[in-house]
Amino acid sequence: MFTSLYELWLGQNDDPIYAETIFNPVGLLTLVVAFVLAAIFYLGLGRWKAVFYKVGPWVVTLIVAALFGYAYALSYALDQTGADESDAYMQGFGGVNALYAVLYFVLFSFLLKRFSIYARRTPV
């Protein structure tokens, strides 16, 4: 499922390890982490204090999702390929995964914000 999403932006790699063992676990965990971050923001923090109705904390959480997506994709790809340092494809994979983490977080934000008390109108 996630292989086609990553290959849409990155193209196919000559090394089949990406399609076989890297794309799916990274994509699934990125999806889960984006959901967890959105749930924490809206169901935890958004019900706890009125401070979290502003866009600033939401943007910080969005940046955390993006940083996680990039760092996790890069470290998982380095570990699975056994490479000593990252190459351009791995860097691109990290960037695309960060983009997907942001997209997932925004999607989950629109789905979960109605369950929040103070952050019902965040981000929009």
PDB file of N, CA and C in Angstrom:
ATOM      1  N   MET A   1       0.812  -1.187   0.000  1.00  0.00           N
ATOM      2  CA  MET A   1       0.000   0.000   0.000  1.00  0.00           C
ATOM      3  C   MET A   1       0.863   1.261   0.000  1.00  0.00           C
ATOM      4  N   PHE A   2       1.808   1.340   0.910  1.00  0.00           N
ATOM      5  CA  PHE A   2       2.633   2.531   1.015  1.00  0.00           C
ATOM      6  C   PHE A   2       3.701   2.598  -0.077  1.00  0.00           C
ATOM      7  N   THR A   3       4.028   1.469  -0.655  1.00  0.00           N
ATOM      8  CA  THR A   3       5.056   1.451  -1.694  1.00  0.00           C
ATOM      9  C   THR A   3       4.676   2.358  -2.855  1.00  0.00           C
ATOM     10  N   SER A   4       3.455   2.276  -3.302  1.00  0.00           N
ATOM     11  CA  SER A   4       3.036   3.118  -4.423  1.00  0.00           C
ATOM     12  C   SER A   4       3.021   4.595  -4.046  1.00  0.00           C
ATOM     13  N   LEU A   5       2.704   4.917  -2.792  1.00  0.00           N
ATOM     14  CA  LEU A   5       2.723   6.311  -2.355  1.00  0.00           C
ATOM     15  C   LEU A   5       4.137   6.887  -2.379  1.00  0.00           C
ATOM     16  N   TYR A   6       5.097   6.118  -1.926  1.00  0.00           N
ATOM     17  CA  TYR A   6       6.479   6.610  -1.922  1.00  0.00           C
ATOM     18  C   TYR A   6       7.077   6.629  -3.325  1.00  0.00           C
ATOM     19  N   GLU A   7       6.790   5.597  -4.108  1.00  0.00           N
ATOM     20  CA  GLU A   7       7.343   5.558  -5.459  1.00  0.00           C
ATOM     21  C   GLU A   7       6.717   6.598  -6.373  1.00  0.00           C
ATOM     22  N   LEU A   8       5.561   7.112  -6.014  1.00  0.00           N
ATOM     23  CA  LEU A   8       4.949   8.204  -6.760  1.00  0.00           C
ATOM     24  C   LEU A   8       5.863   9.419  -6.770  1.00  0.00           C
ATOM     25  N   TRP A   9       6.486   9.714  -5.637  1.00  0.00           N
ATOM     26  CA  TRP A   9       7.377  10.874  -5.528  1.00  0.00           C
ATOM     27  C   TRP A   9       8.835  10.537  -5.805  1.00  0.00           C
ATOM     28  N   LEU A  10       9.272   9.362  -5.388  1.00  0.00           N
ATOM     29  CA  LEU A  10      10.688   9.019  -5.445  1.00  0.00           C
ATOM     30  C   LEU A  10      11.088   8.224  -6.679  1.00  0.00           C
ATOM     31  N   GLY A  11      10.147   7.550  -7.284  1.00  0.00           N
ATOM     32  CA  GLY A  11      10.484   6.618  -8.355  1.00  0.00           C
ATOM     33  C   GLY A  11      10.974   5.311  -7.745  1.00  0.00           C
ATOM     34  N   GLN A  12      11.143   4.324  -8.586  1.00  0.00           N
ATOM     35  CA  GLN A  12      11.608   3.036  -8.095  1.00  0.00           C
ATOM     36  C   GLN A  12      13.104   3.084  -7.847  1.00  0.00           C
ATOM     37  N   ASN A  13      13.521   2.381  -6.825  1.00  0.00           N
ATOM     38  CA  ASN A  13      14.938   2.258  -6.525  1.00  0.00           C
ATOM     39  C   ASN A  13      15.422   0.940  -7.093  1.00  0.00           C
ATOM     40  N   ASP A  14      16.684   0.916  -7.504  1.00  0.00           N
ATOM     41  CA  ASP A  14      17.262  -0.318  -8.035  1.00  0.00           C
ATOM     42  C   ASP A  14      17.345  -1.406  -6.968  1.00  0.00           C
ATOM     43  N   ASP A  15      17.457  -0.985  -5.722  1.00  0.00           N
ATOM     44  CA  ASP A  15      17.529  -1.924  -4.616  1.00  0.00           C
ATOM     45  C   ASP A  15      16.103  -2.298  -4.195  1.00  0.00           C
ATOM     46  N   PRO A  16      15.708  -3.555  -4.351  1.00  0.00           N
ATOM     47  CA  PRO A  16      14.327  -3.940  -4.015  1.00  0.00           C
ATOM     48  C   PRO A  16      14.021  -3.931  -2.519  1.00  0.00           C
ATOM     49  N   ILE A  17      15.021  -3.703  -1.681  1.00  0.00           N
ATOM     50  CA  ILE A  17      14.783  -3.718  -0.238  1.00  0.00           C
ATOM     51  C   ILE A  17      13.819  -2.610   0.187  1.00  0.00           C
ATOM     52  N   TYR A  18      13.818  -1.496  -0.544  1.00  0.00           N
ATOM     53  CA  TYR A  18      12.889  -0.413  -0.196  1.00  0.00           C
ATOM     54  C   TYR A  18      11.440  -0.877  -0.347  1.00  0.00           C
ATOM     55  N   ALA A  19      11.123  -1.437  -1.493  1.00  0.00           N
ATOM     56  CA  ALA A  19       9.746  -1.873  -1.757  1.00  0.00           C
ATOM     57  C   ALA A  19       9.365  -3.078  -0.894  1.00  0.00           C
ATOM     58  N   GLU A  20      10.320  -3.925  -0.586  1.00  0.00           N
ATOM     59  CA  GLU A  20      10.014  -5.154   0.139  1.00  0.00           C
ATOM     60  C   GLU A  20       9.960  -4.982   1.651  1.00  0.00           C
ATOM     61  N   THR A  21      10.876  -4.194   2.217  1.00  0.00           N
ATOM     62  CA  THR A  21      10.961  -4.170   3.681  1.00  0.00           C
ATOM     63  C   THR A  21      10.999  -2.787   4.327  1.00  0.00           C
ATOM     64  N   ILE A  22      11.086  -1.722   3.560  1.00  0.00           N
ATOM     65  CA  ILE A  22      11.230  -0.403   4.184  1.00  0.00           C
ATOM     66  C   ILE A  22       9.959   0.424   4.092  1.00  0.00           C
ATOM     67  N   PHE A  23       9.374   0.530   2.921  1.00  0.00           N
ATOM     68  CA  PHE A  23       8.252   1.453   2.721  1.00  0.00           C
ATOM     69  C   PHE A  23       7.049   1.163   3.616  1.00  0.00           C
ATOM     70  N   ASN A  24       6.614  -0.074   3.685  1.00  0.00           N
ATOM     71  CA  ASN A  24       5.395  -0.400   4.435  1.00  0.00           C
ATOM     72  C   ASN A  24       5.517  -0.183   5.945  1.00  0.00           C
ATOM     73  N   PRO A  25       6.572  -0.671   6.607  1.00  0.00           N
ATOM     74  CA  PRO A  25       6.653  -0.412   8.057  1.00  0.00           C
ATOM     75  C   PRO A  25       6.809   1.076   8.389  1.00  0.00           C
ATOM     76  N   VAL A  26       7.600   1.779   7.584  1.00  0.00           N
ATOM     77  CA  VAL A  26       7.797   3.209   7.836  1.00  0.00           C
ATOM     78  C   VAL A  26       6.484   3.961   7.612  1.00  0.00           C
ATOM     79  N   GLY A  27       5.789   3.658   6.535  1.00  0.00           N
ATOM     80  CA  GLY A  27       4.528   4.327   6.252  1.00  0.00           C
ATOM     81  C   GLY A  27       3.475   4.054   7.304  1.00  0.00           C
ATOM     82  N   LEU A  28       3.396   2.811   7.764  1.00  0.00           N
ATOM     83  CA  LEU A  28       2.411   2.457   8.780  1.00  0.00           C
ATOM     84  C   LEU A  28       2.707   3.146  10.109  1.00  0.00           C
ATOM     85  N   LEU A  29       3.965   3.128  10.539  1.00  0.00           N
ATOM     86  CA  LEU A  29       4.291   3.772  11.804  1.00  0.00           C
ATOM     87  C   LEU A  29       4.122   5.289  11.715  1.00  0.00           C
ATOM     88  N   THR A  30       4.423   5.873  10.573  1.00  0.00           N
ATOM     89  CA  THR A  30       4.212   7.308  10.393  1.00  0.00           C
ATOM     90  C   THR A  30       2.731   7.646  10.506  1.00  0.00           C
ATOM     91  N   LEU A  31       1.883   6.834   9.918  1.00  0.00           N
ATOM     92  CA  LEU A  31       0.442   7.024  10.013  1.00  0.00           C
ATOM     93  C   LEU A  31      -0.032   6.926  11.464  1.00  0.00           C
ATOM     94  N   VAL A  32       0.459   5.937  12.185  1.00  0.00           N
ATOM     95  CA  VAL A  32       0.069   5.738  13.582  1.00  0.00           C
ATOM     96  C   VAL A  32       0.555   6.899  14.451  1.00  0.00           C
ATOM     97  N   VAL A  33       1.788   7.333  14.259  1.00  0.00           N
ATOM     98  CA  VAL A  33       2.329   8.430  15.064  1.00  0.00           C
ATOM     99  C   VAL A  33       1.579   9.726  14.780  1.00  0.00           C
ATOM    100  N   ALA A  34       1.238   9.978  13.522  1.00  0.00           N
ATOM    101  CA  ALA A  34       0.467  11.183  13.192  1.00  0.00           C
ATOM    102  C   ALA A  34      -0.896  11.146  13.876  1.00  0.00           C
ATOM    103  N   PHE A  35      -1.525   9.982  13.908  1.00  0.00           N
ATOM    104  CA  PHE A  35      -2.805   9.847  14.604  1.00  0.00           C
ATOM    105  C   PHE A  35      -2.647  10.066  16.106  1.00  0.00           C
ATOM    106  N   VAL A  36      -1.616   9.478  16.681  1.00  0.00           N
ATOM    107  CA  VAL A  36      -1.384   9.622  18.119  1.00  0.00           C
ATOM    108  C   VAL A  36      -1.122  11.082  18.478  1.00  0.00           C
ATOM    109  N   LEU A  37      -0.312  11.771  17.674  1.00  0.00           N
ATOM    110  CA  LEU A  37      -0.043  13.188  17.938  1.00  0.00           C
ATOM    111  C   LEU A  37      -1.318  14.025  17.831  1.00  0.00           C
ATOM    112  N   ALA A  38      -2.135  13.758  16.831  1.00  0.00           N
ATOM    113  CA  ALA A  38      -3.399  14.486  16.691  1.00  0.00           C
ATOM    114  C   ALA A  38      -4.331  14.163  17.849  1.00  0.00           C
ATOM    115  N   ALA A  39      -4.369  12.911  18.266  1.00  0.00           N
ATOM    116  CA  ALA A  39      -5.221  12.529  19.400  1.00  0.00           C
ATOM    117  C   ALA A  39      -4.743  13.193  20.688  1.00  0.00           C
ATOM    118  N   ILE A  40      -3.444  13.242  20.892  1.00  0.00           N
ATOM    119  CA  ILE A  40      -2.916  13.919  22.080  1.00  0.00           C
ATOM    120  C   ILE A  40      -3.279  15.396  22.042  1.00  0.00           C
ATOM    121  N   PHE A  41      -3.118  16.016  20.870  1.00  0.00           N
ATOM    122  CA  PHE A  41      -3.398  17.441  20.767  1.00  0.00           C
ATOM    123  C   PHE A  41      -4.881  17.740  21.007  1.00  0.00           C
ATOM    124  N   TYR A  42      -5.760  17.013  20.352  1.00  0.00           N
ATOM    125  CA  TYR A  42      -7.187  17.334  20.434  1.00  0.00           C
ATOM    126  C   TYR A  42      -7.895  16.690  21.619  1.00  0.00           C
ATOM    127  N   LEU A  43      -7.585  15.451  21.910  1.00  0.00           N
ATOM    128  CA  LEU A  43      -8.303  14.751  22.973  1.00  0.00           C
ATOM    129  C   LEU A  43      -7.636  14.906  24.335  1.00  0.00           C
ATOM    130  N   GLY A  44      -6.360  15.236  24.339  1.00  0.00           N
ATOM    131  CA  GLY A  44      -5.656  15.455  25.595  1.00  0.00           C
ATOM    132  C   GLY A  44      -5.502  16.927  25.909  1.00  0.00           C
ATOM    133  N   LEU A  45      -4.649  17.580  25.146  1.00  0.00           N
ATOM    134  CA  LEU A  45      -4.358  18.987  25.400  1.00  0.00           C
ATOM    135  C   LEU A  45      -5.549  19.895  25.090  1.00  0.00           C
ATOM    136  N   GLY A  46      -6.294  19.582  24.057  1.00  0.00           N
ATOM    137  CA  GLY A  46      -7.434  20.403  23.666  1.00  0.00           C
ATOM    138  C   GLY A  46      -8.611  20.324  24.616  1.00  0.00           C
ATOM    139  N   ARG A  47      -8.573  19.384  25.534  1.00  0.00           N
ATOM    140  CA  ARG A  47      -9.609  19.279  26.563  1.00  0.00           C
ATOM    141  C   ARG A  47      -9.080  19.710  27.927  1.00  0.00           C
ATOM    142  N   TRP A  48      -7.780  19.944  27.983  1.00  0.00           N
ATOM    143  CA  TRP A  48      -7.152  20.215  29.262  1.00  0.00           C
ATOM    144  C   TRP A  48      -7.124  21.700  29.604  1.00  0.00           C
ATOM    145  N   LYS A  49      -6.588  22.518  28.682  1.00  0.00           N
ATOM    146  CA  LYS A  49      -6.463  23.950  28.937  1.00  0.00           C
ATOM    147  C   LYS A  49      -6.868  24.739  27.710  1.00  0.00           C
ATOM    148  N   ALA A  50      -7.347  25.944  27.966  1.00  0.00           N
ATOM    149  CA  ALA A  50      -7.784  26.814  26.875  1.00  0.00           C
ATOM    150  C   ALA A  50      -6.616  27.389  26.075  1.00  0.00           C
ATOM    151  N   VAL A  51      -5.405  27.143  26.486  1.00  0.00           N
ATOM    152  CA  VAL A  51      -4.221  27.656  25.787  1.00  0.00           C
ATOM    153  C   VAL A  51      -4.095  27.034  24.401  1.00  0.00           C
ATOM    154  N   PHE A  52      -4.590  25.845  24.226  1.00  0.00           N
ATOM    155  CA  PHE A  52      -4.348  25.096  23.005  1.00  0.00           C
ATOM    156  C   PHE A  52      -5.350  25.376  21.886  1.00  0.00           C
ATOM    157  N   TYR A  53      -6.095  26.452  21.989  1.00  0.00           N
ATOM    158  CA  TYR A  53      -6.988  26.823  20.902  1.00  0.00           C
ATOM    159  C   TYR A  53      -6.268  27.640  19.841  1.00  0.00           C
ATOM    160  N   LYS A  54      -5.069  28.112  20.141  1.00  0.00           N
ATOM    161  CA  LYS A  54      -4.308  28.929  19.204  1.00  0.00           C
ATOM    162  C   LYS A  54      -3.595  28.041  18.182  1.00  0.00           C
ATOM    163  N   VAL A  55      -3.194  28.667  17.104  1.00  0.00           N
ATOM    164  CA  VAL A  55      -2.553  27.922  16.018  1.00  0.00           C
ATOM    165  C   VAL A  55      -1.109  27.561  16.360  1.00  0.00           C
ATOM    166  N   GLY A  56      -0.457  28.333  17.210  1.00  0.00           N
ATOM    167  CA  GLY A  56       0.948  28.094  17.550  1.00  0.00           C
ATOM    168  C   GLY A  56       1.242  26.695  18.059  1.00  0.00           C
ATOM    169  N   PRO A  57       0.541  26.228  19.092  1.00  0.00           N
ATOM    170  CA  PRO A  57       0.789  24.864  19.562  1.00  0.00           C
ATOM    171  C   PRO A  57       0.478  23.796  18.509  1.00  0.00           C
ATOM    172  N   TRP A  58      -0.509  24.074  17.664  1.00  0.00           N
ATOM    173  CA  TRP A  58      -0.831  23.128  16.593  1.00  0.00           C
ATOM    174  C   TRP A  58       0.320  23.042  15.603  1.00  0.00           C
ATOM    175  N   VAL A  59       0.910  24.183  15.259  1.00  0.00           N
ATOM    176  CA  VAL A  59       2.047  24.202  14.329  1.00  0.00           C
ATOM    177  C   VAL A  59       3.245  23.485  14.947  1.00  0.00           C
ATOM    178  N   VAL A  60       3.469  23.675  16.231  1.00  0.00           N
ATOM    179  CA  VAL A  60       4.561  22.969  16.898  1.00  0.00           C
ATOM    180  C   VAL A  60       4.348  21.459  16.814  1.00  0.00           C
ATOM    181  N   THR A  61       3.132  21.011  17.038  1.00  0.00           N
ATOM    182  CA  THR A  61       2.830  19.587  16.939  1.00  0.00           C
ATOM    183  C   THR A  61       2.995  19.088  15.508  1.00  0.00           C
ATOM    184  N   LEU A  62       2.626  19.901  14.547  1.00  0.00           N
ATOM    185  CA  LEU A  62       2.819  19.566  13.137  1.00  0.00           C
ATOM    186  C   LEU A  62       4.305  19.412  12.811  1.00  0.00           C
ATOM    187  N   ILE A  63       5.120  20.301  13.327  1.00  0.00           N
ATOM    188  CA  ILE A  63       6.568  20.233  13.102  1.00  0.00           C
ATOM    189  C   ILE A  63       7.154  18.991  13.772  1.00  0.00           C
ATOM    190  N   VAL A  64       6.654  18.641  14.945  1.00  0.00           N
ATOM    191  CA  VAL A  64       7.109  17.418  15.612  1.00  0.00           C
ATOM    192  C   VAL A  64       6.789  16.199  14.752  1.00  0.00           C
ATOM    193  N   ALA A  65       5.611  16.169  14.158  1.00  0.00           N
ATOM    194  CA  ALA A  65       5.238  15.058  13.270  1.00  0.00           C
ATOM    195  C   ALA A  65       6.168  14.999  12.065  1.00  0.00           C
ATOM    196  N   ALA A  66       6.481  16.143  11.479  1.00  0.00           N
ATOM    197  CA  ALA A  66       7.364  16.185  10.315  1.00  0.00           C
ATOM    198  C   ALA A  66       8.778  15.736  10.678  1.00  0.00           C
ATOM    199  N   LEU A  67       9.283  16.211  11.799  1.00  0.00           N
ATOM    200  CA  LEU A  67      10.630  15.814  12.226  1.00  0.00           C
ATOM    201  C   LEU A  67      10.707  14.324  12.523  1.00  0.00           C
ATOM    202  N   PHE A  68       9.679  13.800  13.178  1.00  0.00           N
ATOM    203  CA  PHE A  68       9.650  12.364  13.417  1.00  0.00           C
ATOM    204  C   PHE A  68       9.640  11.607  12.096  1.00  0.00           C
ATOM    205  N   GLY A  69       8.785  12.036  11.168  1.00  0.00           N
ATOM    206  CA  GLY A  69       8.695  11.353   9.880  1.00  0.00           C
ATOM    207  C   GLY A  69      10.014  11.318   9.150  1.00  0.00           C
ATOM    208  N   TYR A  70      10.715  12.418   9.157  1.00  0.00           N
ATOM    209  CA  TYR A  70      12.012  12.482   8.467  1.00  0.00           C
ATOM    210  C   TYR A  70      13.047  11.608   9.176  1.00  0.00           C
ATOM    211  N   ALA A  71      13.194  11.790  10.475  1.00  0.00           N
ATOM    212  CA  ALA A  71      14.228  11.077  11.221  1.00  0.00           C
ATOM    213  C   ALA A  71      13.981   9.569  11.236  1.00  0.00           C
ATOM    214  N   TYR A  72      12.736   9.172  11.408  1.00  0.00           N
ATOM    215  CA  TYR A  72      12.446   7.740  11.458  1.00  0.00           C
ATOM    216  C   TYR A  72      12.688   7.074  10.106  1.00  0.00           C
ATOM    217  N   ALA A  73      12.249   7.709   9.040  1.00  0.00           N
ATOM    218  CA  ALA A  73      12.453   7.134   7.706  1.00  0.00           C
ATOM    219  C   ALA A  73      13.937   6.997   7.401  1.00  0.00           C
ATOM    220  N   LEU A  74      14.698   8.008   7.723  1.00  0.00           N
ATOM    221  CA  LEU A  74      16.134   7.968   7.447  1.00  0.00           C
ATOM    222  C   LEU A  74      16.825   6.904   8.285  1.00  0.00           C
ATOM    223  N   SER A  75      16.535   6.848   9.574  1.00  0.00           N
ATOM    224  CA  SER A  75      17.216   5.864  10.421  1.00  0.00           C
ATOM    225  C   SER A  75      16.793   4.436  10.081  1.00  0.00           C
ATOM    226  N   TYR A  76      15.512   4.237   9.748  1.00  0.00           N
ATOM    227  CA  TYR A  76      15.064   2.894   9.391  1.00  0.00           C
ATOM    228  C   TYR A  76      15.690   2.439   8.073  1.00  0.00           C
ATOM    229  N   ALA A  77      15.774   3.338   7.113  1.00  0.00           N
ATOM    230  CA  ALA A  77      16.395   2.990   5.834  1.00  0.00           C
ATOM    231  C   ALA A  77      17.877   2.706   6.007  1.00  0.00           C
ATOM    232  N   LEU A  78      18.559   3.488   6.820  1.00  0.00           N
ATOM    233  CA  LEU A  78      19.983   3.220   7.084  1.00  0.00           C
ATOM    234  C   LEU A  78      20.164   1.860   7.744  1.00  0.00           C
ATOM    235  N   ASP A  79      19.323   1.552   8.683  1.00  0.00           N
ATOM    236  CA  ASP A  79      19.421   0.285   9.397  1.00  0.00           C
ATOM    237  C   ASP A  79      19.140  -0.899   8.476  1.00  0.00           C
ATOM    238  N   GLN A  80      18.100  -0.814   7.683  1.00  0.00           N
ATOM    239  CA  GLN A  80      17.708  -1.944   6.825  1.00  0.00           C
ATOM    240  C   GLN A  80      18.662  -2.168   5.666  1.00  0.00           C
ATOM    241  N   THR A  81      19.216  -1.097   5.110  1.00  0.00           N
ATOM    242  CA  THR A  81      20.137  -1.256   3.983  1.00  0.00           C
ATOM    243  C   THR A  81      21.544  -1.570   4.434  1.00  0.00           C
ATOM    244  N   GLY A  82      21.860  -1.283   5.689  1.00  0.00           N
ATOM    245  CA  GLY A  82      23.210  -1.529   6.188  1.00  0.00           C
ATOM    246  C   GLY A  82      24.220  -0.513   5.692  1.00  0.00           C
ATOM    247  N   ALA A  83      23.767   0.591   5.176  1.00  0.00           N
ATOM    248  CA  ALA A  83      24.662   1.624   4.665  1.00  0.00           C
ATOM    249  C   ALA A  83      25.304   2.378   5.827  1.00  0.00           C
ATOM    250  N   ASP A  84      26.505   2.869   5.587  1.00  0.00           N
ATOM    251  CA  ASP A  84      27.204   3.643   6.609  1.00  0.00           C
ATOM    252  C   ASP A  84      26.696   5.069   6.687  1.00  0.00           C
ATOM    253  N   GLU A  85      26.311   5.614   5.554  1.00  0.00           N
ATOM    254  CA  GLU A  85      25.764   6.971   5.530  1.00  0.00           C
ATOM    255  C   GLU A  85      24.656   7.044   4.495  1.00  0.00           C
ATOM    256  N   SER A  86      23.839   8.064   4.613  1.00  0.00           N
ATOM    257  CA  SER A  86      22.676   8.170   3.739  1.00  0.00           C
ATOM    258  C   SER A  86      23.066   8.660   2.348  1.00  0.00           C
ATOM    259  N   ASP A  87      22.272   8.266   1.386  1.00  0.00           N
ATOM    260  CA  ASP A  87      22.460   8.745   0.023  1.00  0.00           C
ATOM    261  C   ASP A  87      21.288   9.656  -0.344  1.00  0.00           C
ATOM    262  N   ALA A  88      21.264  10.107  -1.579  1.00  0.00           N
ATOM    263  CA  ALA A  88      20.230  11.050  -2.010  1.00  0.00           C
ATOM    264  C   ALA A  88      18.842  10.414  -1.956  1.00  0.00           C
ATOM    265  N   TYR A  89      18.739   9.141  -2.282  1.00  0.00           N
ATOM    266  CA  TYR A  89      17.434   8.479  -2.237  1.00  0.00           C
ATOM    267  C   TYR A  89      16.908   8.403  -0.809  1.00  0.00           C
ATOM    268  N   MET A  90      17.780   8.104   0.139  1.00  0.00           N
ATOM    269  CA  MET A  90      17.354   8.050   1.534  1.00  0.00           C
ATOM    270  C   MET A  90      16.923   9.428   2.030  1.00  0.00           C
ATOM    271  N   GLN A  91      17.660  10.452   1.657  1.00  0.00           N
ATOM    272  CA  GLN A  91      17.292  11.809   2.055  1.00  0.00           C
ATOM    273  C   GLN A  91      15.929  12.182   1.458  1.00  0.00           C
ATOM    274  N   GLY A  92      15.731  11.837   0.196  1.00  0.00           N
ATOM    275  CA  GLY A  92      14.441  12.084  -0.445  1.00  0.00           C
ATOM    276  C   GLY A  92      13.322  11.298   0.218  1.00  0.00           C
ATOM    277  N   PHE A  93      13.616  10.066   0.593  1.00  0.00           N
ATOM    278  CA  PHE A  93      12.638   9.237   1.298  1.00  0.00           C
ATOM    279  C   PHE A  93      12.259   9.873   2.626  1.00  0.00           C
ATOM    280  N   GLY A  94      13.237  10.386   3.346  1.00  0.00           N
ATOM    281  CA  GLY A  94      12.953  11.070   4.601  1.00  0.00           C
ATOM    282  C   GLY A  94      12.089  12.299   4.394  1.00  0.00           C
ATOM    283  N   GLY A  95      12.384  13.059   3.345  1.00  0.00           N
ATOM    284  CA  GLY A  95      11.588  14.245   3.048  1.00  0.00           C
ATOM    285  C   GLY A  95      10.160  13.911   2.651  1.00  0.00           C
ATOM    286  N   VAL A  96      10.000  12.909   1.832  1.00  0.00           N
ATOM    287  CA  VAL A  96       8.655  12.496   1.419  1.00  0.00           C
ATOM    288  C   VAL A  96       7.884  11.939   2.610  1.00  0.00           C
ATOM    289  N   ASN A  97       8.558  11.208   3.476  1.00  0.00           N
ATOM    290  CA  ASN A  97       7.880  10.693   4.661  1.00  0.00           C
ATOM    291  C   ASN A  97       7.478  11.832   5.594  1.00  0.00           C
ATOM    292  N   ALA A  98       8.305  12.851   5.700  1.00  0.00           N
ATOM    293  CA  ALA A  98       7.930  14.025   6.499  1.00  0.00           C
ATOM    294  C   ALA A  98       6.700  14.698   5.903  1.00  0.00           C
ATOM    295  N   LEU A  99       6.650  14.782   4.582  1.00  0.00           N
ATOM    296  CA  LEU A  99       5.480  15.356   3.911  1.00  0.00           C
ATOM    297  C   LEU A  99       4.225  14.535   4.198  1.00  0.00           C
ATOM    298  N   TYR A 100       4.342  13.221   4.140  1.00  0.00           N
ATOM    299  CA  TYR A 100       3.195  12.378   4.445  1.00  0.00           C
ATOM    300  C   TYR A 100       2.792  12.491   5.914  1.00  0.00           C
ATOM    301  N   ALA A 101       3.757  12.630   6.805  1.00  0.00           N
ATOM    302  CA  ALA A 101       3.427  12.813   8.225  1.00  0.00           C
ATOM    303  C   ALA A 101       2.619  14.089   8.422  1.00  0.00           C
ATOM    304  N   VAL A 102       3.001  15.146   7.728  1.00  0.00           N
ATOM    305  CA  VAL A 102       2.263  16.406   7.807  1.00  0.00           C
ATOM    306  C   VAL A 102       0.852  16.233   7.239  1.00  0.00           C
ATOM    307  N   LEU A 103       0.741  15.587   6.099  1.00  0.00           N
ATOM    308  CA  LEU A 103      -0.575  15.373   5.496  1.00  0.00           C
ATOM    309  C   LEU A 103      -1.480  14.525   6.390  1.00  0.00           C
ATOM    310  N   TYR A 104      -0.930  13.467   6.958  1.00  0.00           N
ATOM    311  CA  TYR A 104      -1.714  12.623   7.860  1.00  0.00           C
ATOM    312  C   TYR A 104      -2.160  13.413   9.077  1.00  0.00           C
ATOM    313  N   PHE A 105      -1.253  14.207   9.650  1.00  0.00           N
ATOM    314  CA  PHE A 105      -1.601  14.986  10.835  1.00  0.00           C
ATOM    315  C   PHE A 105      -2.715  15.987  10.532  1.00  0.00           C
ATOM    316  N   VAL A 106      -2.633  16.647   9.391  1.00  0.00           N
ATOM    317  CA  VAL A 106      -3.676  17.609   9.010  1.00  0.00           C
ATOM    318  C   VAL A 106      -5.005  16.879   8.820  1.00  0.00           C
ATOM    319  N   LEU A 107      -4.979  15.745   8.156  1.00  0.00           N
ATOM    320  CA  LEU A 107      -6.199  14.958   7.957  1.00  0.00           C
ATOM    321  C   LEU A 107      -6.805  14.532   9.296  1.00  0.00           C
ATOM    322  N   PHE A 108      -5.977  14.009  10.180  1.00  0.00           N
ATOM    323  CA  PHE A 108      -6.483  13.592  11.494  1.00  0.00           C
ATOM    324  C   PHE A 108      -6.936  14.795  12.318  1.00  0.00           C
ATOM    325  N   SER A 109      -6.334  15.947  12.098  1.00  0.00           N
ATOM    326  CA  SER A 109      -6.766  17.157  12.796  1.00  0.00           C
ATOM    327  C   SER A 109      -8.205  17.490  12.445  1.00  0.00           C
ATOM    328  N   PHE A 110      -8.516  17.424  11.151  1.00  0.00           N
ATOM    329  CA  PHE A 110      -9.885  17.734  10.738  1.00  0.00           C
ATOM    330  C   PHE A 110     -10.882  16.681  11.219  1.00  0.00           C
ATOM    331  N   LEU A 111     -10.422  15.461  11.395  1.00  0.00           N
ATOM    332  CA  LEU A 111     -11.313  14.418  11.891  1.00  0.00           C
ATOM    333  C   LEU A 111     -11.522  14.474  13.405  1.00  0.00           C
ATOM    334  N   LEU A 112     -10.492  14.856  14.155  1.00  0.00           N
ATOM    335  CA  LEU A 112     -10.553  14.786  15.609  1.00  0.00           C
ATOM    336  C   LEU A 112     -10.899  16.102  16.293  1.00  0.00           C
ATOM    337  N   LYS A 113     -10.828  17.210  15.585  1.00  0.00           N
ATOM    338  CA  LYS A 113     -11.025  18.489  16.267  1.00  0.00           C
ATOM    339  C   LYS A 113     -12.439  18.661  16.827  1.00  0.00           C
ATOM    340  N   ARG A 114     -13.401  17.999  16.281  1.00  0.00           N
ATOM    341  CA  ARG A 114     -14.769  18.119  16.797  1.00  0.00           C
ATOM    342  C   ARG A 114     -14.918  17.505  18.186  1.00  0.00           C
ATOM    343  N   PHE A 115     -13.963  16.656  18.594  1.00  0.00           N
ATOM    344  CA  PHE A 115     -14.025  16.035  19.911  1.00  0.00           C
ATOM    345  C   PHE A 115     -13.287  16.841  20.975  1.00  0.00           C
ATOM    346  N   SER A 116     -12.688  17.936  20.573  1.00  0.00           N
ATOM    347  CA  SER A 116     -11.953  18.786  21.495  1.00  0.00           C
ATOM    348  C   SER A 116     -12.886  19.817  22.114  1.00  0.00           C
ATOM    349  N   ILE A 117     -12.524  20.287  23.283  1.00  0.00           N
ATOM    350  CA  ILE A 117     -13.314  21.323  23.932  1.00  0.00           C
ATOM    351  C   ILE A 117     -12.800  22.705  23.542  1.00  0.00           C
ATOM    352  N   TYR A 118     -11.493  22.920  23.683  1.00  0.00           N
ATOM    353  CA  TYR A 118     -10.925  24.237  23.441  1.00  0.00           C
ATOM    354  C   TYR A 118     -10.351  24.406  22.035  1.00  0.00           C
ATOM    355  N   ALA A 119      -9.962  23.338  21.383  1.00  0.00           N
ATOM    356  CA  ALA A 119      -9.298  23.446  20.087  1.00  0.00           C
ATOM    357  C   ALA A 119     -10.220  23.060  18.935  1.00  0.00           C
ATOM    358  N   ARG A 120     -11.496  23.316  19.073  1.00  0.00           N
ATOM    359  CA  ARG A 120     -12.458  22.924  18.026  1.00  0.00           C
ATOM    360  C   ARG A 120     -12.235  23.662  16.714  1.00  0.00           C
ATOM    361  N   ARG A 121     -11.677  24.854  16.791  1.00  0.00           N
ATOM    362  CA  ARG A 121     -11.483  25.656  15.582  1.00  0.00           C
ATOM    363  C   ARG A 121     -10.018  25.726  15.166  1.00  0.00           C
ATOM    364  N   THR A 122      -9.217  24.860  15.703  1.00  0.00           N
ATOM    365  CA  THR A 122      -7.802  24.830  15.350  1.00  0.00           C
ATOM    366  C   THR A 122      -7.586  23.664  14.402  1.00  0.00           C
ATOM    367  N   PRO A 123      -6.987  23.835  13.280  1.00  0.00           N
ATOM    368  CA  PRO A 123      -6.249  24.963  12.743  1.00  0.00           C
ATOM    369  C   PRO A 123      -7.131  26.014  12.070  1.00  0.00           C
ATOM    370  N   VAL A 124      -8.316  25.645  11.653  1.00  0.00           N
ATOM    371  CA  VAL A 124      -9.168  26.617  10.942  1.00  0.00           C
ATOM    372  C   VAL A 124     -10.472  26.796  11.707  1.00  0.00           C
TER     373      VAL A 124
END
